[in-house]
Amino acid sequence: MHRANLFPRTWVWVNHWKAILLSLFCITCFSCSNELQMLFPEGPEGPAGKSAYEVWVDAVNDGTVDWPKDRTDENNFFLFLKGKDGEDGKSAYEIWITEVEAGLDNPKNPGTDWPKDETDLNDFWYYLTGADGKDGVTPNIGDNGHWWVNGEDTGIAAQGPQGEPGEDGEDGADGSDGSSSMPDITIGENGNWYINGVDTGKPSRGEQGEPGESGGSGSGTQGPTGPQGPAGPAGQSAYDLWVEAVTSEEGLDDPHNPGHKCDPEKTTIKDFWAYLRGEDGKDGEDG
C-alpha cells in the first residue's frame, strides 16, 4: 500500500519544480530586457540597389513618369528635378498698392492711413521718403569761448590752444629780378613814374606853382619895366625830400627797425617804397 502511493506523489513534486524553474527563467529573461533577441547566422550579401537616376530612367521608359524617352541623360534628370518655373512675383510698387488698398499707415501724418486715391509712382516715391525730421539746433560760441548748443554749455572750447611759433623763413629774393612781388619802380625820362617798365602816366614831380605877386608901387614916377628874370627851380619830389632826410646828419627813423635810423647808403627808389610801407603789423591769434 505504501509503495503504490509514492509514485503519484513524486510525479506531482517533479511537475511542481518544473513550473517553478520555468517561472524563474521567464522572470529573469523579461527583467533583463524588454526585447527577446535571437541570434541567427548572417545571410549572403544582396545585390546593389539602383541609383535615383537609374530608377528615374526605368520609370520614364515604362511610362510611369511623363517625360520624353529620348531625353534621359543626366542633364535632363536634373532638369526634371528642378521643376517648372514659377510665376513672376510682384514689384515693390505693386505690393505697396495692395497694402494701401488694405490700409497702410501714413508716415507723413502718423495715426492716419495713406490716401487710397494717391497711388501713382510719384506717390510711392514720396511715401518712401518718410516723415520730415525736426529742425536742428545751430551751435554758437559763448562769452567763455565754449560751444553752446540749445542754450547749454558743452564745455568744449571753440578755439584750440595757441601753437608754438614757427621757424623764421628764408630771406626772399631781390625784387629787381622779377621773382618777388616787389615792383620795379623808376622815373622815366619824361618825368613820369614807371612800374616794371610801364609808364603810369603819373608825374614824379608836382606842377610848378604860380609866380608870386609883384611888390607895391612907390609914389614916385614909375621907371621903365626891366626884363623878366629867369624862372625859379622846380620843387623837390617826395622821393628827393626823403633822400635828403635819410642822408642828413640827423637821419630818419626807420619804421621797420624802431630805435634805429634808415641806412643812408640805401636811397634807391625801391628803398623809398619799402620805407613807405610802414611798420609790420602784429601777428594775429591762431584760428
C-alpha atoms as a PDB file:
ATOM      1  CA  MET A   1       0.000   0.000   0.000  1.00  0.00           C
ATOM      2  CA  HIS A   2       2.737   2.483   0.836  1.00  0.00           C
ATOM      3  CA  ARG A   3       4.818   1.824  -2.339  1.00  0.00           C
ATOM      4  CA  ALA A   4       1.807   2.212  -4.582  1.00  0.00           C
ATOM      5  CA  ASN A   5       1.090   5.719  -3.183  1.00  0.00           C
ATOM      6  CA  LEU A   6       4.653   7.106  -3.575  1.00  0.00           C
ATOM      7  CA  PHE A   7       4.727   7.311  -7.400  1.00  0.00           C
ATOM      8  CA  PRO A   8       1.881   9.780  -7.863  1.00  0.00           C
ATOM      9  CA  ARG A   9       3.268  11.976  -5.072  1.00  0.00           C
ATOM     10  CA  THR A  10       6.746  12.014  -6.684  1.00  0.00           C
ATOM     11  CA  TRP A  11       5.305  12.979 -10.081  1.00  0.00           C
ATOM     12  CA  VAL A  12       3.465  15.890  -8.582  1.00  0.00           C
ATOM     13  CA  TRP A  13       6.611  17.220  -6.942  1.00  0.00           C
ATOM     14  CA  VAL A  14       8.567  16.937 -10.215  1.00  0.00           C
ATOM     15  CA  ASN A  15       5.950  18.919 -12.120  1.00  0.00           C
ATOM     16  CA  HIS A  16       5.849  21.425  -9.332  1.00  0.00           C
ATOM     17  CA  TRP A  17       9.603  22.087  -9.540  1.00  0.00           C
ATOM     18  CA  LYS A  18       9.448  22.348 -13.349  1.00  0.00           C
ATOM     19  CA  ALA A  19       6.811  25.053 -13.054  1.00  0.00           C
ATOM     20  CA  ILE A  20       8.940  26.905 -10.520  1.00  0.00           C
ATOM     21  CA  LEU A  21      12.084  26.757 -12.711  1.00  0.00           C
ATOM     22  CA  LEU A  22      10.154  27.844 -15.812  1.00  0.00           C
ATOM     23  CA  SER A  23       8.726  30.824 -13.933  1.00  0.00           C
ATOM     24  CA  LEU A  24      12.182  31.877 -12.692  1.00  0.00           C
ATOM     25  CA  PHE A  25      13.547  31.600 -16.232  1.00  0.00           C
ATOM     26  CA  CYS A  26      10.796  33.812 -17.662  1.00  0.00           C
ATOM     27  CA  ILE A  27      11.186  36.367 -14.879  1.00  0.00           C
ATOM     28  CA  THR A  28      14.947  36.519 -15.467  1.00  0.00           C
ATOM     29  CA  CYS A  29      14.552  36.973 -19.224  1.00  0.00           C
ATOM     30  CA  PHE A  30      11.900  39.676 -19.054  1.00  0.00           C
ATOM     31  CA  SER A  31      13.589  41.585 -16.207  1.00  0.00           C
ATOM     32  CA  CYS A  32      16.863  41.925 -18.178  1.00  0.00           C
ATOM     33  CA  SER A  33      15.403  43.290 -21.370  1.00  0.00           C
ATOM     34  CA  ASN A  34      12.111  44.275 -22.898  1.00  0.00           C
ATOM     35  CA  GLU A  35      13.111  42.604 -26.145  1.00  0.00           C
ATOM     36  CA  LEU A  36      13.799  38.990 -26.843  1.00  0.00           C
ATOM     37  CA  GLN A  37      16.746  38.820 -29.184  1.00  0.00           C
ATOM     38  CA  MET A  38      17.555  35.733 -31.151  1.00  0.00           C
ATOM     39  CA  LEU A  39      20.859  35.348 -32.970  1.00  0.00           C
ATOM     40  CA  PHE A  40      20.905  33.727 -36.379  1.00  0.00           C
ATOM     41  CA  PRO A  41      23.836  33.278 -38.825  1.00  0.00           C
ATOM     42  CA  GLU A  42      24.378  36.242 -41.245  1.00  0.00           C
ATOM     43  CA  GLY A  43      22.932  35.656 -44.685  1.00  0.00           C
ATOM     44  CA  PRO A  44      24.612  36.348 -48.072  1.00  0.00           C
ATOM     45  CA  GLU A  45      25.007  39.979 -49.288  1.00  0.00           C
ATOM     46  CA  GLY A  46      22.189  41.117 -51.559  1.00  0.00           C
ATOM     47  CA  PRO A  47      22.606  42.816 -54.967  1.00  0.00           C
ATOM     48  CA  ALA A  48      23.386  46.586 -55.073  1.00  0.00           C
ATOM     49  CA  GLY A  49      20.316  48.849 -55.400  1.00  0.00           C
ATOM     50  CA  LYS A  50      19.737  51.251 -58.293  1.00  0.00           C
ATOM     51  CA  SER A  51      20.553  54.937 -58.049  1.00  0.00           C
ATOM     52  CA  ALA A  52      17.824  57.587 -58.139  1.00  0.00           C
ATOM     53  CA  TYR A  53      18.868  58.422 -61.708  1.00  0.00           C
ATOM     54  CA  GLU A  54      18.554  54.765 -62.814  1.00  0.00           C
ATOM     55  CA  VAL A  55      15.170  54.396 -61.148  1.00  0.00           C
ATOM     56  CA  TRP A  56      14.030  57.579 -62.948  1.00  0.00           C
ATOM     57  CA  VAL A  57      15.220  56.240 -66.336  1.00  0.00           C
ATOM     58  CA  ASP A  58      13.288  52.997 -65.763  1.00  0.00           C
ATOM     59  CA  ALA A  59      10.194  54.972 -64.804  1.00  0.00           C
ATOM     60  CA  VAL A  60      10.486  57.095 -67.961  1.00  0.00           C
ATOM     61  CA  ASN A  61      10.944  54.064 -70.176  1.00  0.00           C
ATOM     62  CA  ASP A  62       7.949  52.176 -68.720  1.00  0.00           C
ATOM     63  CA  GLY A  63       5.753  55.296 -68.868  1.00  0.00           C
ATOM     64  CA  THR A  64       5.398  55.757 -65.110  1.00  0.00           C
ATOM     65  CA  VAL A  65       6.948  59.236 -65.456  1.00  0.00           C
ATOM     66  CA  ASP A  66       5.659  61.511 -68.212  1.00  0.00           C
ATOM     67  CA  TRP A  67       8.915  62.554 -69.869  1.00  0.00           C
ATOM     68  CA  PRO A  68      10.316  62.168 -73.405  1.00  0.00           C
ATOM     69  CA  LYS A  69      12.073  58.797 -73.659  1.00  0.00           C
ATOM     70  CA  ASP A  70      14.804  60.272 -75.877  1.00  0.00           C
ATOM     71  CA  ARG A  71      15.792  62.758 -73.181  1.00  0.00           C
ATOM     72  CA  THR A  72      17.020  60.613 -70.310  1.00  0.00           C
ATOM     73  CA  ASP A  73      20.575  61.846 -69.858  1.00  0.00           C
ATOM     74  CA  GLU A  74      21.747  63.215 -66.508  1.00  0.00           C
ATOM     75  CA  ASN A  75      21.229  66.875 -67.538  1.00  0.00           C
ATOM     76  CA  ASN A  76      17.580  66.127 -68.303  1.00  0.00           C
ATOM     77  CA  PHE A  77      17.318  64.247 -64.985  1.00  0.00           C
ATOM     78  CA  PHE A  78      18.378  67.379 -63.072  1.00  0.00           C
ATOM     79  CA  LEU A  79      16.151  69.500 -65.285  1.00  0.00           C
ATOM     80  CA  PHE A  80      13.234  67.188 -64.378  1.00  0.00           C
ATOM     81  CA  LEU A  81      14.045  67.556 -60.657  1.00  0.00           C
ATOM     82  CA  LYS A  82      14.114  71.372 -60.866  1.00  0.00           C
ATOM     83  CA  GLY A  83      10.503  71.576 -61.921  1.00  0.00           C
ATOM     84  CA  LYS A  84       8.723  74.279 -63.874  1.00  0.00           C
ATOM     85  CA  ASP A  85       9.467  77.992 -63.421  1.00  0.00           C
ATOM     86  CA  GLY A  86       7.069  79.764 -61.113  1.00  0.00           C
ATOM     87  CA  GLU A  87       5.104  82.891 -61.929  1.00  0.00           C
ATOM     88  CA  ASP A  88       6.827  86.265 -61.740  1.00  0.00           C
ATOM     89  CA  GLY A  89       6.481  87.963 -58.350  1.00  0.00           C
ATOM     90  CA  LYS A  90       5.057  91.423 -57.782  1.00  0.00           C
ATOM     91  CA  SER A  91       7.263  94.503 -57.691  1.00  0.00           C
ATOM     92  CA  ALA A  92       7.638  96.583 -54.529  1.00  0.00           C
ATOM     93  CA  TYR A  93       5.413  99.235 -56.073  1.00  0.00           C
ATOM     94  CA  GLU A  94       2.637  96.686 -56.799  1.00  0.00           C
ATOM     95  CA  ILE A  95       2.874  95.262 -53.274  1.00  0.00           C
ATOM     96  CA  TRP A  96       2.641  98.818 -51.882  1.00  0.00           C
ATOM     97  CA  ILE A  97      -0.574  99.450 -53.850  1.00  0.00           C
ATOM     98  CA  THR A  98      -2.070  96.277 -52.359  1.00  0.00           C
ATOM     99  CA  GLU A  99      -1.074  97.392 -48.865  1.00  0.00           C
ATOM    100  CA  VAL A 100      -2.578 100.850 -49.422  1.00  0.00           C
ATOM    101  CA  GLU A 101      -5.871  99.315 -50.511  1.00  0.00           C
ATOM    102  CA  ALA A 102      -5.890  97.184 -47.343  1.00  0.00           C
ATOM    103  CA  GLY A 103      -4.987 100.180 -45.139  1.00  0.00           C
ATOM    104  CA  LEU A 104      -1.411 101.406 -44.675  1.00  0.00           C
ATOM    105  CA  ASP A 105      -0.082 103.866 -42.067  1.00  0.00           C
ATOM    106  CA  ASN A 106       0.732 107.321 -43.410  1.00  0.00           C
ATOM    107  CA  PRO A 107       4.269 108.333 -42.325  1.00  0.00           C
ATOM    108  CA  LYS A 108       3.536 111.934 -43.320  1.00  0.00           C
ATOM    109  CA  ASN A 109       0.564 112.083 -40.932  1.00  0.00           C
ATOM    110  CA  PRO A 110       1.009 109.468 -38.171  1.00  0.00           C
ATOM    111  CA  GLY A 111      -2.222 107.950 -36.932  1.00  0.00           C
ATOM    112  CA  THR A 112      -3.939 108.049 -40.333  1.00  0.00           C
ATOM    113  CA  ASP A 113      -3.983 105.757 -43.388  1.00  0.00           C
ATOM    114  CA  TRP A 114      -2.356 106.636 -46.670  1.00  0.00           C
ATOM    115  CA  PRO A 115      -4.978 108.063 -49.109  1.00  0.00           C
ATOM    116  CA  LYS A 116      -6.232 105.270 -51.365  1.00  0.00           C
ATOM    117  CA  ASP A 117      -6.548 107.658 -54.330  1.00  0.00           C
ATOM    118  CA  GLU A 118      -2.843 108.605 -54.184  1.00  0.00           C
ATOM    119  CA  THR A 119      -1.129 105.511 -55.566  1.00  0.00           C
ATOM    120  CA  ASP A 120       0.757 106.617 -58.670  1.00  0.00           C
ATOM    121  CA  LEU A 121       4.515 106.106 -58.929  1.00  0.00           C
ATOM    122  CA  ASN A 122       5.328 109.612 -57.663  1.00  0.00           C
ATOM    123  CA  ASP A 123       3.155 108.983 -54.589  1.00  0.00           C
ATOM    124  CA  PHE A 124       5.102 105.751 -53.995  1.00  0.00           C
ATOM    125  CA  TRP A 125       8.455 107.543 -54.032  1.00  0.00           C
ATOM    126  CA  TYR A 126       7.060 110.303 -51.821  1.00  0.00           C
ATOM    127  CA  TYR A 127       5.842 107.661 -49.356  1.00  0.00           C
ATOM    128  CA  LEU A 128       9.335 106.127 -49.163  1.00  0.00           C
ATOM    129  CA  THR A 129      10.905 109.438 -48.074  1.00  0.00           C
ATOM    130  CA  GLY A 130       9.241 109.139 -44.676  1.00  0.00           C
ATOM    131  CA  ALA A 131       8.173 111.924 -42.345  1.00  0.00           C
ATOM    132  CA  ASP A 132      10.038 115.233 -42.109  1.00  0.00           C
ATOM    133  CA  GLY A 133      12.551 115.424 -39.264  1.00  0.00           C
ATOM    134  CA  LYS A 134      12.631 118.084 -36.604  1.00  0.00           C
ATOM    135  CA  ASP A 135      14.640 121.260 -37.159  1.00  0.00           C
ATOM    136  CA  GLY A 136      18.216 121.001 -35.964  1.00  0.00           C
ATOM    137  CA  VAL A 137      19.904 123.316 -33.487  1.00  0.00           C
ATOM    138  CA  THR A 138      22.662 125.687 -34.611  1.00  0.00           C
ATOM    139  CA  PRO A 139      25.543 125.858 -32.103  1.00  0.00           C
ATOM    140  CA  ASN A 140      27.105 129.186 -31.111  1.00  0.00           C
ATOM    141  CA  ILE A 141      30.219 130.356 -29.285  1.00  0.00           C
ATOM    142  CA  GLY A 142      29.536 131.733 -25.814  1.00  0.00           C
ATOM    143  CA  ASP A 143      31.333 134.527 -23.957  1.00  0.00           C
ATOM    144  CA  ASN A 144      33.514 131.918 -22.237  1.00  0.00           C
ATOM    145  CA  GLY A 145      34.820 130.685 -25.605  1.00  0.00           C
ATOM    146  CA  HIS A 146      32.935 127.355 -25.394  1.00  0.00           C
ATOM    147  CA  TRP A 147      30.484 125.859 -27.847  1.00  0.00           C
ATOM    148  CA  TRP A 148      26.890 126.293 -26.689  1.00  0.00           C
ATOM    149  CA  VAL A 149      24.074 124.109 -28.063  1.00  0.00           C
ATOM    150  CA  ASN A 150      20.439 124.969 -27.405  1.00  0.00           C
ATOM    151  CA  GLY A 151      21.464 127.339 -24.602  1.00  0.00           C
ATOM    152  CA  GLU A 152      23.644 124.769 -22.803  1.00  0.00           C
ATOM    153  CA  ASP A 153      27.405 124.986 -22.332  1.00  0.00           C
ATOM    154  CA  THR A 154      29.080 121.908 -23.856  1.00  0.00           C
ATOM    155  CA  GLY A 155      32.373 122.626 -22.066  1.00  0.00           C
ATOM    156  CA  ILE A 156      34.218 122.255 -25.383  1.00  0.00           C
ATOM    157  CA  ALA A 157      36.465 125.154 -26.350  1.00  0.00           C
ATOM    158  CA  ALA A 158      35.702 126.640 -29.749  1.00  0.00           C
ATOM    159  CA  GLN A 159      39.346 127.589 -30.269  1.00  0.00           C
ATOM    160  CA  GLY A 160      42.261 125.260 -29.712  1.00  0.00           C
ATOM    161  CA  PRO A 161      45.363 126.221 -27.731  1.00  0.00           C
ATOM    162  CA  GLN A 162      47.876 128.501 -29.404  1.00  0.00           C
ATOM    163  CA  GLY A 163      50.609 126.578 -31.148  1.00  0.00           C
ATOM    164  CA  GLU A 164      54.340 127.099 -30.836  1.00  0.00           C
ATOM    165  CA  PRO A 165      55.815 129.882 -33.024  1.00  0.00           C
ATOM    166  CA  GLY A 166      57.126 128.638 -36.334  1.00  0.00           C
ATOM    167  CA  GLU A 167      60.701 128.955 -37.511  1.00  0.00           C
ATOM    168  CA  ASP A 168      61.742 132.053 -39.428  1.00  0.00           C
ATOM    169  CA  GLY A 169      61.538 131.662 -43.165  1.00  0.00           C
ATOM    170  CA  GLU A 170      64.406 132.271 -45.560  1.00  0.00           C
ATOM    171  CA  ASP A 171      65.025 135.742 -46.964  1.00  0.00           C
ATOM    172  CA  GLY A 172      63.111 136.460 -50.150  1.00  0.00           C
ATOM    173  CA  ALA A 173      64.795 137.118 -53.475  1.00  0.00           C
ATOM    174  CA  ASP A 174      65.607 140.629 -54.650  1.00  0.00           C
ATOM    175  CA  GLY A 175      62.616 142.171 -56.368  1.00  0.00           C
ATOM    176  CA  SER A 176      64.711 143.541 -59.228  1.00  0.00           C
ATOM    177  CA  ASP A 177      64.886 140.144 -60.926  1.00  0.00           C
ATOM    178  CA  GLY A 178      61.112 139.822 -61.141  1.00  0.00           C
ATOM    179  CA  SER A 179      60.952 136.817 -58.760  1.00  0.00           C
ATOM    180  CA  SER A 180      59.392 138.815 -55.908  1.00  0.00           C
ATOM    181  CA  SER A 181      56.166 140.738 -55.530  1.00  0.00           C
ATOM    182  CA  MET A 182      58.174 143.998 -55.025  1.00  0.00           C
ATOM    183  CA  PRO A 183      57.592 146.134 -58.173  1.00  0.00           C
ATOM    184  CA  ASP A 184      60.488 147.700 -60.097  1.00  0.00           C
ATOM    185  CA  ILE A 185      59.725 151.455 -59.791  1.00  0.00           C
ATOM    186  CA  THR A 186      61.748 154.079 -61.703  1.00  0.00           C
ATOM    187  CA  ILE A 187      61.427 157.639 -63.020  1.00  0.00           C
ATOM    188  CA  GLY A 188      61.416 157.848 -66.803  1.00  0.00           C
ATOM    189  CA  GLU A 189      62.999 160.493 -68.991  1.00  0.00           C
ATOM    190  CA  ASN A 190      59.582 162.123 -69.346  1.00  0.00           C
ATOM    191  CA  GLY A 191      59.445 162.600 -65.565  1.00  0.00           C
ATOM    192  CA  ASN A 192      56.675 160.024 -65.007  1.00  0.00           C
ATOM    193  CA  TRP A 193      56.669 157.084 -62.611  1.00  0.00           C
ATOM    194  CA  TYR A 194      57.417 153.735 -64.310  1.00  0.00           C
ATOM    195  CA  ILE A 195      56.403 150.416 -62.680  1.00  0.00           C
ATOM    196  CA  ASN A 196      58.094 147.322 -64.092  1.00  0.00           C
ATOM    197  CA  GLY A 197      58.989 149.319 -67.195  1.00  0.00           C
ATOM    198  CA  VAL A 198      55.417 150.554 -67.822  1.00  0.00           C
ATOM    199  CA  ASP A 199      54.650 154.283 -67.895  1.00  0.00           C
ATOM    200  CA  THR A 200      51.964 155.041 -65.276  1.00  0.00           C
ATOM    201  CA  GLY A 201      51.271 158.492 -66.749  1.00  0.00           C
ATOM    202  CA  LYS A 202      51.773 159.985 -63.293  1.00  0.00           C
ATOM    203  CA  PRO A 203      54.476 162.675 -62.982  1.00  0.00           C
ATOM    204  CA  SER A 204      57.089 162.104 -60.319  1.00  0.00           C
ATOM    205  CA  ARG A 205      57.173 165.863 -59.504  1.00  0.00           C
ATOM    206  CA  GLY A 206      54.339 168.228 -58.726  1.00  0.00           C
ATOM    207  CA  GLU A 207      53.234 171.048 -61.077  1.00  0.00           C
ATOM    208  CA  GLN A 208      55.122 174.330 -60.955  1.00  0.00           C
ATOM    209  CA  GLY A 209      53.443 176.887 -58.688  1.00  0.00           C
ATOM    210  CA  GLU A 210      52.058 180.273 -59.752  1.00  0.00           C
ATOM    211  CA  PRO A 211      54.584 183.191 -59.725  1.00  0.00           C
ATOM    212  CA  GLY A 212      54.406 185.421 -56.641  1.00  0.00           C
ATOM    213  CA  GLU A 213      52.678 188.854 -56.609  1.00  0.00           C
ATOM    214  CA  SER A 214      54.738 191.882 -57.556  1.00  0.00           C
ATOM    215  CA  GLY A 215      55.696 194.428 -54.905  1.00  0.00           C
ATOM    216  CA  GLY A 216      53.657 197.604 -54.316  1.00  0.00           C
ATOM    217  CA  SER A 217      54.363 200.731 -56.427  1.00  0.00           C
ATOM    218  CA  GLY A 218      56.065 203.776 -54.937  1.00  0.00           C
ATOM    219  CA  SER A 219      54.772 207.318 -55.069  1.00  0.00           C
ATOM    220  CA  GLY A 220      57.430 208.372 -57.496  1.00  0.00           C
ATOM    221  CA  THR A 221      57.458 208.127 -61.198  1.00  0.00           C
ATOM    222  CA  GLN A 222      57.478 204.537 -62.437  1.00  0.00           C
ATOM    223  CA  GLY A 223      60.625 203.657 -64.249  1.00  0.00           C
ATOM    224  CA  PRO A 224      60.795 201.525 -67.311  1.00  0.00           C
ATOM    225  CA  THR A 225      59.934 197.860 -66.898  1.00  0.00           C
ATOM    226  CA  GLY A 226      63.012 195.701 -66.868  1.00  0.00           C
ATOM    227  CA  PRO A 227      63.300 192.267 -68.479  1.00  0.00           C
ATOM    228  CA  GLN A 228      61.690 189.256 -66.632  1.00  0.00           C
ATOM    229  CA  GLY A 229      64.182 187.271 -64.594  1.00  0.00           C
ATOM    230  CA  PRO A 230      64.765 183.525 -65.063  1.00  0.00           C
ATOM    231  CA  ALA A 231      62.192 181.041 -63.660  1.00  0.00           C
ATOM    232  CA  GLY A 232      62.987 179.556 -60.278  1.00  0.00           C
ATOM    233  CA  PRO A 233      63.976 175.918 -59.881  1.00  0.00           C
ATOM    234  CA  ALA A 234      61.201 173.265 -59.781  1.00  0.00           C
ATOM    235  CA  GLY A 235      60.086 171.985 -56.366  1.00  0.00           C
ATOM    236  CA  GLN A 236      61.535 168.747 -54.985  1.00  0.00           C
ATOM    237  CA  SER A 237      59.633 165.466 -55.191  1.00  0.00           C
ATOM    238  CA  ALA A 238      58.698 163.420 -52.150  1.00  0.00           C
ATOM    239  CA  TYR A 239      61.460 160.991 -53.071  1.00  0.00           C
ATOM    240  CA  ASP A 240      64.060 163.817 -53.199  1.00  0.00           C
ATOM    241  CA  LEU A 241      62.950 165.107 -49.824  1.00  0.00           C
ATOM    242  CA  TRP A 242      63.159 161.586 -48.370  1.00  0.00           C
ATOM    243  CA  VAL A 243      66.721 161.144 -49.669  1.00  0.00           C
ATOM    244  CA  GLU A 244      67.745 164.422 -48.083  1.00  0.00           C
ATOM    245  CA  ALA A 245      66.228 163.377 -44.778  1.00  0.00           C
ATOM    246  CA  VAL A 246      67.917 159.962 -44.839  1.00  0.00           C
ATOM    247  CA  THR A 247      71.350 161.369 -45.730  1.00  0.00           C
ATOM    248  CA  SER A 248      71.130 164.313 -43.323  1.00  0.00           C
ATOM    249  CA  GLU A 249      73.168 164.480 -40.115  1.00  0.00           C
ATOM    250  CA  GLU A 250      70.076 163.829 -38.001  1.00  0.00           C
ATOM    251  CA  GLY A 251      68.993 160.933 -40.175  1.00  0.00           C
ATOM    252  CA  LEU A 252      65.493 159.493 -40.462  1.00  0.00           C
ATOM    253  CA  ASP A 253      63.889 156.949 -38.106  1.00  0.00           C
ATOM    254  CA  ASP A 254      63.440 153.505 -39.627  1.00  0.00           C
ATOM    255  CA  PRO A 255      59.806 152.399 -39.056  1.00  0.00           C
ATOM    256  CA  HIS A 256      60.776 148.778 -39.735  1.00  0.00           C
ATOM    257  CA  ASN A 257      63.517 148.811 -37.097  1.00  0.00           C
ATOM    258  CA  PRO A 258      62.403 151.002 -34.181  1.00  0.00           C
ATOM    259  CA  GLY A 259      65.251 152.755 -32.369  1.00  0.00           C
ATOM    260  CA  HIS A 260      67.453 152.858 -35.477  1.00  0.00           C
ATOM    261  CA  LYS A 261      67.912 155.229 -38.384  1.00  0.00           C
ATOM    262  CA  CYS A 262      67.484 154.430 -42.051  1.00  0.00           C
ATOM    263  CA  ASP A 263      70.663 153.307 -43.782  1.00  0.00           C
ATOM    264  CA  PRO A 264      71.971 156.409 -45.655  1.00  0.00           C
ATOM    265  CA  GLU A 265      73.538 154.109 -48.260  1.00  0.00           C
ATOM    266  CA  LYS A 266      70.137 152.664 -49.195  1.00  0.00           C
ATOM    267  CA  THR A 267      68.411 155.516 -51.013  1.00  0.00           C
ATOM    268  CA  THR A 268      67.165 153.906 -54.212  1.00  0.00           C
ATOM    269  CA  ILE A 269      63.563 154.328 -55.303  1.00  0.00           C
ATOM    270  CA  LYS A 270      62.950 150.729 -54.117  1.00  0.00           C
ATOM    271  CA  ASP A 271      64.250 151.672 -50.671  1.00  0.00           C
ATOM    272  CA  PHE A 272      61.894 154.660 -50.712  1.00  0.00           C
ATOM    273  CA  TRP A 273      58.855 152.453 -51.447  1.00  0.00           C
ATOM    274  CA  ALA A 274      59.945 149.946 -48.818  1.00  0.00           C
ATOM    275  CA  TYR A 275      60.099 152.819 -46.311  1.00  0.00           C
ATOM    276  CA  LEU A 276      56.555 153.936 -47.237  1.00  0.00           C
ATOM    277  CA  ARG A 277      55.102 150.513 -46.494  1.00  0.00           C
ATOM    278  CA  GLY A 278      55.106 151.351 -42.785  1.00  0.00           C
ATOM    279  CA  GLU A 279      55.653 149.099 -39.801  1.00  0.00           C
ATOM    280  CA  ASP A 280      54.750 145.420 -39.869  1.00  0.00           C
ATOM    281  CA  GLY A 281      51.514 144.629 -38.036  1.00  0.00           C
ATOM    282  CA  LYS A 282      51.373 142.235 -35.078  1.00  0.00           C
ATOM    283  CA  ASP A 283      50.703 138.577 -35.671  1.00  0.00           C
ATOM    284  CA  GLY A 284      47.031 137.669 -35.302  1.00  0.00           C
ATOM    285  CA  GLU A 285      45.839 134.942 -32.947  1.00  0.00           C
ATOM    286  CA  ASP A 286      45.779 131.406 -34.270  1.00  0.00           C
ATOM    287  CA  GLY A 287      42.446 130.304 -35.734  1.00  0.00           C
END
